[in-house]
Amino acid sequence: MNSEIDLHCHSTASDGKLSAPDVVSRAAERGVKILAITDHDTVEGFRLGREKAAEVGIKLISGIELSCVWGGITVHIVGLNFDPESDVMRAAEAAQTAARESRSLLIAERVGKRIKQTVDLDAVREYAGGEAIGRPHFAQYMIDQGWVPNMAAAFNKYLGAGKPGDVKASWPELAQVTEWIVAAGGTAVMAHAHLYKMTRTKLKACLQDFKDAGGQGLEVAYGNMDANQLGQMSALAREMDLLGSCGSDFHGPNRFGLDLGVMPAFPKDVTPVWASWS
């Protein structure tokens, strides 16, 4: 269905395909009334989309999607309705940028050593076009340098799982990022928990630690999740007394038909995160 509320999407401020103003315009065209641009580890999408939101009459909620770890597993926490200019959120953005930068430096160093070439990280940044540097950007750089013939070769030899460029970012712990969001006056929401490769028992333990750190919400209506996943997440929200959130996780036009506002109907027996927002 098309929801009037979408609290999880991305712009070119991280890994989305549309600029923040274009995301806002598209949301308005699709009938979305309340929107949160939740770019990875940055609030820049919200900052860049505010003016357009005021123009088109959309209520734009401050948002961010923070990467973190729990039990050695990378999980994502969405922050909503916080003070985007607070010292704590500015510090959180800086910390996440530093984690991404240190990862990029290590990839450049390891791949360069293996291939016996100097990897120009500034040149790789240009391929990223302002978004966070990822392994595909390194691969394209290597192709254009003539070091590998194609993307597959770059990953098979240098960047794929178990290869020199397979570097995990040094993300903070789940409790830390949750506390950042709460300290900035926001609502912390566990993003797409149905996609984490955890047993139900392990996921409940993760959610309990999340709650203990101040977490309040769980995404219960998400993009193209199926009825079984919707039921599981709704049951967990009720069982653990968590508020429900919803979002498309739209990154840009795609062949799957996933667009802004596209998600299952919000479950009637779960209290929504926006119930207490003014």
Protein backbone atom coordinates (compact mmCIF):
# COMPACT_ATOMS: atom_id res chain seq x y z
CA MET A 1 0.00 0.00 0.00
CA ASN A 2 1.00 3.66 -0.18
CA SER A 3 1.41 5.13 3.27
CA GLU A 4 1.12 8.85 4.09
CA ILE A 5 3.97 8.37 6.59
CA ASP A 6 7.46 7.25 5.53
CA LEU A 7 10.15 7.34 8.21
CA HIS A 8 13.01 5.56 6.43
CA CYS A 9 14.51 6.65 3.11
CA HIS A 10 17.79 7.86 1.67
CA SER A 11 19.19 10.68 -0.47
CA THR A 12 22.52 11.42 -2.15
CA ALA A 13 23.75 12.60 1.25
CA SER A 14 24.51 8.90 1.75
CA ASP A 15 23.75 6.09 -0.73
CA GLY A 16 20.47 7.25 -2.29
CA LYS A 17 20.13 8.17 -5.96
CA LEU A 18 18.10 11.39 -5.60
CA SER A 19 19.02 14.65 -3.89
CA ALA A 20 17.19 15.44 -0.66
CA PRO A 21 14.97 18.11 -2.31
CA ASP A 22 14.09 15.61 -5.06
CA VAL A 23 13.24 12.95 -2.47
CA VAL A 24 10.90 15.44 -0.77
CA SER A 25 9.28 16.42 -4.07
CA ARG A 26 8.77 12.78 -5.05
CA ALA A 27 7.28 12.02 -1.64
CA ALA A 28 4.82 14.88 -2.02
CA GLU A 29 3.81 13.66 -5.49
CA ARG A 30 3.15 10.22 -4.01
CA GLY A 31 0.91 11.56 -1.24
CA VAL A 32 3.35 11.27 1.66
CA LYS A 33 2.49 13.80 4.39
CA ILE A 34 5.13 12.98 7.03
CA LEU A 35 8.65 12.09 5.90
CA ALA A 36 12.02 11.36 7.51
CA ILE A 37 15.15 11.25 5.34
CA THR A 38 17.36 8.83 7.27
CA ASP A 39 20.71 8.92 5.53
CA HIS A 40 23.49 6.65 6.76
CA ASP A 41 25.41 8.29 9.61
CA THR A 42 24.55 11.85 8.58
CA VAL A 43 21.70 14.33 9.12
CA GLU A 44 22.62 16.20 5.94
CA GLY A 45 19.64 14.84 3.99
CA PHE A 46 17.27 16.42 6.49
CA ARG A 47 19.16 19.71 6.44
CA LEU A 48 19.12 19.86 2.64
CA GLY A 49 15.46 18.86 2.37
CA ARG A 50 13.91 21.32 4.83
CA GLU A 51 13.36 24.18 2.41
CA LYS A 52 11.65 21.99 -0.20
CA ALA A 53 9.50 20.36 2.49
CA ALA A 54 8.21 23.78 3.56
CA GLU A 55 7.47 24.58 -0.12
CA VAL A 56 5.45 21.44 -0.81
CA GLY A 57 3.74 21.18 2.58
CA ILE A 58 5.39 18.00 3.87
CA LYS A 59 6.17 17.60 7.57
CA LEU A 60 9.88 16.66 7.45
CA ILE A 61 11.09 14.87 10.57
CA SER A 62 14.79 14.91 11.43
CA GLY A 63 16.31 11.51 10.72
CA ILE A 64 19.50 9.47 10.58
CA GLU A 65 20.39 5.77 10.24
CA LEU A 66 23.34 4.93 12.47
CA SER A 67 25.52 1.86 11.96
CA CYS A 68 26.59 -0.05 15.06
CA VAL A 69 27.40 -3.52 16.34
CA TRP A 70 25.77 -5.91 18.81
CA GLY A 71 27.30 -9.28 19.56
CA GLY A 72 29.62 -8.92 16.59
CA ILE A 73 26.68 -8.33 14.21
CA THR A 74 26.23 -5.03 12.36
CA VAL A 75 22.79 -3.54 13.04
CA HIS A 76 21.22 -0.20 12.11
CA ILE A 77 19.39 2.19 14.42
CA VAL A 78 17.18 4.91 12.97
CA GLY A 79 17.02 8.15 14.92
CA LEU A 80 13.87 10.25 14.53
CA ASN A 81 12.62 13.65 15.69
CA PHE A 82 15.81 14.76 17.45
CA ASP A 83 17.56 18.13 17.56
CA PRO A 84 19.73 17.99 14.42
CA GLU A 85 21.99 20.80 15.61
CA SER A 86 22.60 19.41 19.10
CA ASP A 87 26.20 18.95 20.17
CA VAL A 88 25.66 15.24 20.73
CA MET A 89 24.30 14.62 17.22
CA ARG A 90 27.06 16.67 15.61
CA ALA A 91 29.57 14.60 17.59
CA ALA A 92 27.84 11.37 16.51
CA GLU A 93 28.09 12.36 12.85
CA ALA A 94 31.79 13.18 13.29
CA ALA A 95 32.46 9.84 15.01
CA GLN A 96 30.73 7.86 12.24
CA THR A 97 32.58 9.81 9.54
CA ALA A 98 35.86 9.01 11.28
CA ALA A 99 34.96 5.30 11.40
CA ARG A 100 34.22 5.29 7.66
CA GLU A 101 37.41 7.24 6.88
CA SER A 102 39.64 4.87 8.86
CA ARG A 103 38.09 1.93 7.00
CA SER A 104 38.77 3.58 3.62
CA LEU A 105 42.40 4.25 4.58
CA LEU A 106 42.87 0.62 5.59
CA ILE A 107 41.31 -0.67 2.34
CA ALA A 108 43.59 1.61 0.31
CA GLU A 109 46.62 0.48 2.26
CA ARG A 110 45.88 -3.25 2.06
CA VAL A 111 44.82 -3.31 -1.59
CA GLY A 112 47.78 -1.13 -2.59
CA LYS A 113 50.19 -3.45 -0.82
CA ARG A 114 48.73 -6.54 -2.49
CA ILE A 115 48.59 -5.05 -5.99
CA LYS A 116 51.93 -3.23 -5.52
CA GLN A 117 50.45 0.13 -6.49
CA THR A 118 49.68 3.37 -4.65
CA VAL A 119 45.93 3.84 -4.23
CA ASP A 120 45.03 7.54 -4.45
CA LEU A 121 42.26 7.88 -1.87
CA ASP A 122 41.35 11.40 -3.05
CA ALA A 123 40.73 9.97 -6.52
CA VAL A 124 38.55 7.22 -5.02
CA ARG A 125 36.56 9.92 -3.19
CA GLU A 126 35.71 11.49 -6.54
CA TYR A 127 34.07 8.23 -7.63
CA ALA A 128 31.94 8.37 -4.48
CA GLY A 129 30.61 11.79 -5.54
CA GLY A 130 30.26 13.06 -2.01
CA GLU A 131 28.68 9.95 -0.55
CA ALA A 132 30.45 7.52 1.78
CA ILE A 133 33.29 5.63 0.08
CA GLY A 134 32.52 1.96 -0.48
CA ARG A 135 34.26 -0.99 -2.08
CA PRO A 136 32.48 -0.45 -5.44
CA HIS A 137 34.19 2.96 -5.66
CA PHE A 138 37.57 1.32 -5.10
CA ALA A 139 36.70 -1.25 -7.77
CA GLN A 140 35.79 1.40 -10.36
CA TYR A 141 39.00 3.27 -9.61
CA MET A 142 41.02 0.08 -10.09
CA ILE A 143 39.28 -0.63 -13.41
CA ASP A 144 40.04 2.86 -14.70
CA GLN A 145 43.67 2.51 -13.60
CA GLY A 146 43.87 -0.64 -15.73
CA TRP A 147 44.72 -2.82 -12.72
CA VAL A 148 41.69 -5.11 -13.17
CA PRO A 149 39.46 -5.73 -16.23
CA ASN A 150 36.07 -5.46 -14.52
CA MET A 151 34.10 -5.19 -11.26
CA ALA A 152 33.96 -8.97 -10.77
CA ALA A 153 37.73 -9.30 -11.01
CA ALA A 154 38.23 -6.46 -8.53
CA PHE A 155 36.07 -8.20 -5.94
CA ASN A 156 37.27 -11.74 -6.69
CA LYS A 157 40.93 -10.78 -6.28
CA TYR A 158 41.05 -7.80 -3.93
CA LEU A 159 37.78 -6.56 -2.41
CA GLY A 160 35.46 -9.52 -1.83
CA ALA A 161 34.92 -11.58 1.33
CA GLY A 162 38.20 -12.74 2.80
CA LYS A 163 40.28 -10.59 0.42
CA PRO A 164 42.64 -7.75 1.47
CA GLY A 165 40.00 -5.06 0.93
CA ASP A 166 37.35 -6.84 3.01
CA VAL A 167 37.63 -4.43 5.94
CA LYS A 168 34.89 -4.03 8.52
CA ALA A 169 34.26 -0.54 9.83
CA SER A 170 34.94 0.07 13.53
CA TRP A 171 31.35 0.90 14.38
CA PRO A 172 30.35 1.81 17.95
CA GLU A 173 28.25 -0.50 20.11
CA LEU A 174 24.46 -0.55 19.88
CA ALA A 175 24.05 1.07 23.30
CA GLN A 176 26.29 3.99 22.30
CA VAL A 177 24.36 5.03 19.18
CA THR A 178 21.04 4.55 20.96
CA GLU A 179 22.22 6.85 23.74
CA TRP A 180 23.31 9.45 21.17
CA ILE A 181 19.80 9.62 19.71
CA VAL A 182 18.11 9.79 23.10
CA ALA A 183 20.53 12.47 24.32
CA ALA A 184 19.66 14.54 21.23
CA GLY A 185 16.00 14.38 22.25
CA GLY A 186 14.97 11.82 19.64
CA THR A 187 13.30 8.44 19.29
CA ALA A 188 15.60 5.47 18.61
CA VAL A 189 14.14 2.77 16.33
CA MET A 190 15.61 -0.63 15.48
CA ALA A 191 15.72 -0.73 11.66
CA HIS A 192 14.66 -3.75 9.56
CA ALA A 193 15.26 -6.28 12.36
CA HIS A 194 13.59 -9.01 10.26
CA LEU A 195 16.64 -8.93 7.95
CA TYR A 196 19.24 -9.66 10.63
CA LYS A 197 20.40 -13.25 10.68
CA MET A 198 19.43 -13.86 14.31
CA THR A 199 17.25 -16.45 16.00
CA ARG A 200 14.15 -15.06 17.71
CA THR A 201 15.82 -15.60 21.09
CA LYS A 202 18.93 -13.71 20.02
CA LEU A 203 16.89 -10.90 18.47
CA LYS A 204 14.91 -10.52 21.70
CA ALA A 205 18.18 -10.27 23.65
CA CYS A 206 19.38 -7.60 21.20
CA LEU A 207 16.10 -5.68 21.55
CA GLN A 208 16.30 -5.90 25.34
CA ASP A 209 19.77 -4.34 25.32
CA PHE A 210 18.42 -1.72 22.91
CA LYS A 211 15.56 -0.93 25.29
CA ASP A 212 17.92 -0.80 28.28
CA ALA A 213 19.93 1.88 26.43
CA GLY A 214 16.78 3.95 25.82
CA GLY A 215 15.54 2.49 22.53
CA GLN A 216 11.80 2.88 22.00
CA GLY A 217 10.83 1.66 18.55
CA LEU A 218 10.92 -1.21 16.05
CA GLU A 219 10.18 -1.05 12.32
CA VAL A 220 7.02 -3.12 11.89
CA ALA A 221 5.93 -2.02 8.41
CA TYR A 222 8.91 -1.91 6.08
CA GLY A 223 9.30 -1.73 2.31
CA ASN A 224 8.50 -5.04 0.69
CA MET A 225 8.49 -7.25 3.81
CA ASP A 226 6.04 -10.14 3.52
CA ALA A 227 3.02 -10.90 5.72
CA ASN A 228 4.98 -13.36 7.86
CA GLN A 229 7.73 -10.81 8.58
CA LEU A 230 5.12 -8.15 9.34
CA GLY A 231 3.46 -10.52 11.81
CA GLN A 232 6.73 -11.42 13.51
CA MET A 233 7.85 -7.80 13.95
CA SER A 234 4.41 -6.69 15.16
CA ALA A 235 4.35 -9.52 17.71
CA LEU A 236 7.82 -8.56 18.96
CA ALA A 237 6.80 -4.91 19.30
CA ARG A 238 3.79 -5.89 21.41
CA GLU A 239 5.68 -8.47 23.47
CA MET A 240 8.56 -6.10 24.24
CA ASP A 241 6.43 -2.98 24.64
CA LEU A 242 8.08 -1.14 21.75
CA LEU A 243 6.52 1.53 19.56
CA GLY A 244 6.13 0.71 15.88
CA SER A 245 7.72 2.61 13.01
CA CYS A 246 7.34 2.34 9.25
CA GLY A 247 9.36 3.16 6.16
CA SER A 248 10.02 2.24 2.56
CA ASP A 249 13.85 2.34 2.79
CA PHE A 250 13.68 3.97 -0.65
CA HIS A 251 17.09 4.60 -2.21
CA GLY A 252 15.94 5.64 -5.69
CA PRO A 253 13.97 4.39 -8.70
CA ASN A 254 14.41 0.63 -9.02
CA ARG A 255 13.06 -2.38 -10.87
CA PHE A 256 11.33 -3.82 -7.79
CA GLY A 257 8.56 -1.22 -7.66
CA LEU A 258 9.68 -0.05 -4.23
CA ASP A 259 8.99 3.67 -3.92
CA LEU A 260 8.41 6.30 -1.29
CA GLY A 261 5.42 5.37 0.86
CA VAL A 262 5.42 1.73 -0.30
CA MET A 263 5.08 -0.65 2.65
CA PRO A 264 2.55 -3.00 4.27
CA ALA A 265 -0.42 -1.49 6.12
CA PHE A 266 0.60 -0.40 9.61
CA PRO A 267 -0.65 -2.95 12.19
CA LYS A 268 -3.60 -1.65 14.21
CA ASP A 269 -2.47 -3.34 17.44
CA VAL A 270 0.92 -1.56 17.62
CA THR A 271 1.30 2.00 18.98
CA PRO A 272 3.10 4.17 16.38
CA VAL A 273 6.22 6.17 17.21
CA TRP A 274 4.55 9.37 16.04
CA ALA A 275 1.67 9.07 18.54
CA SER A 276 3.48 11.24 21.08
CA TRP A 277 5.01 13.74 18.64
CA SER A 278 3.50 17.21 18.56
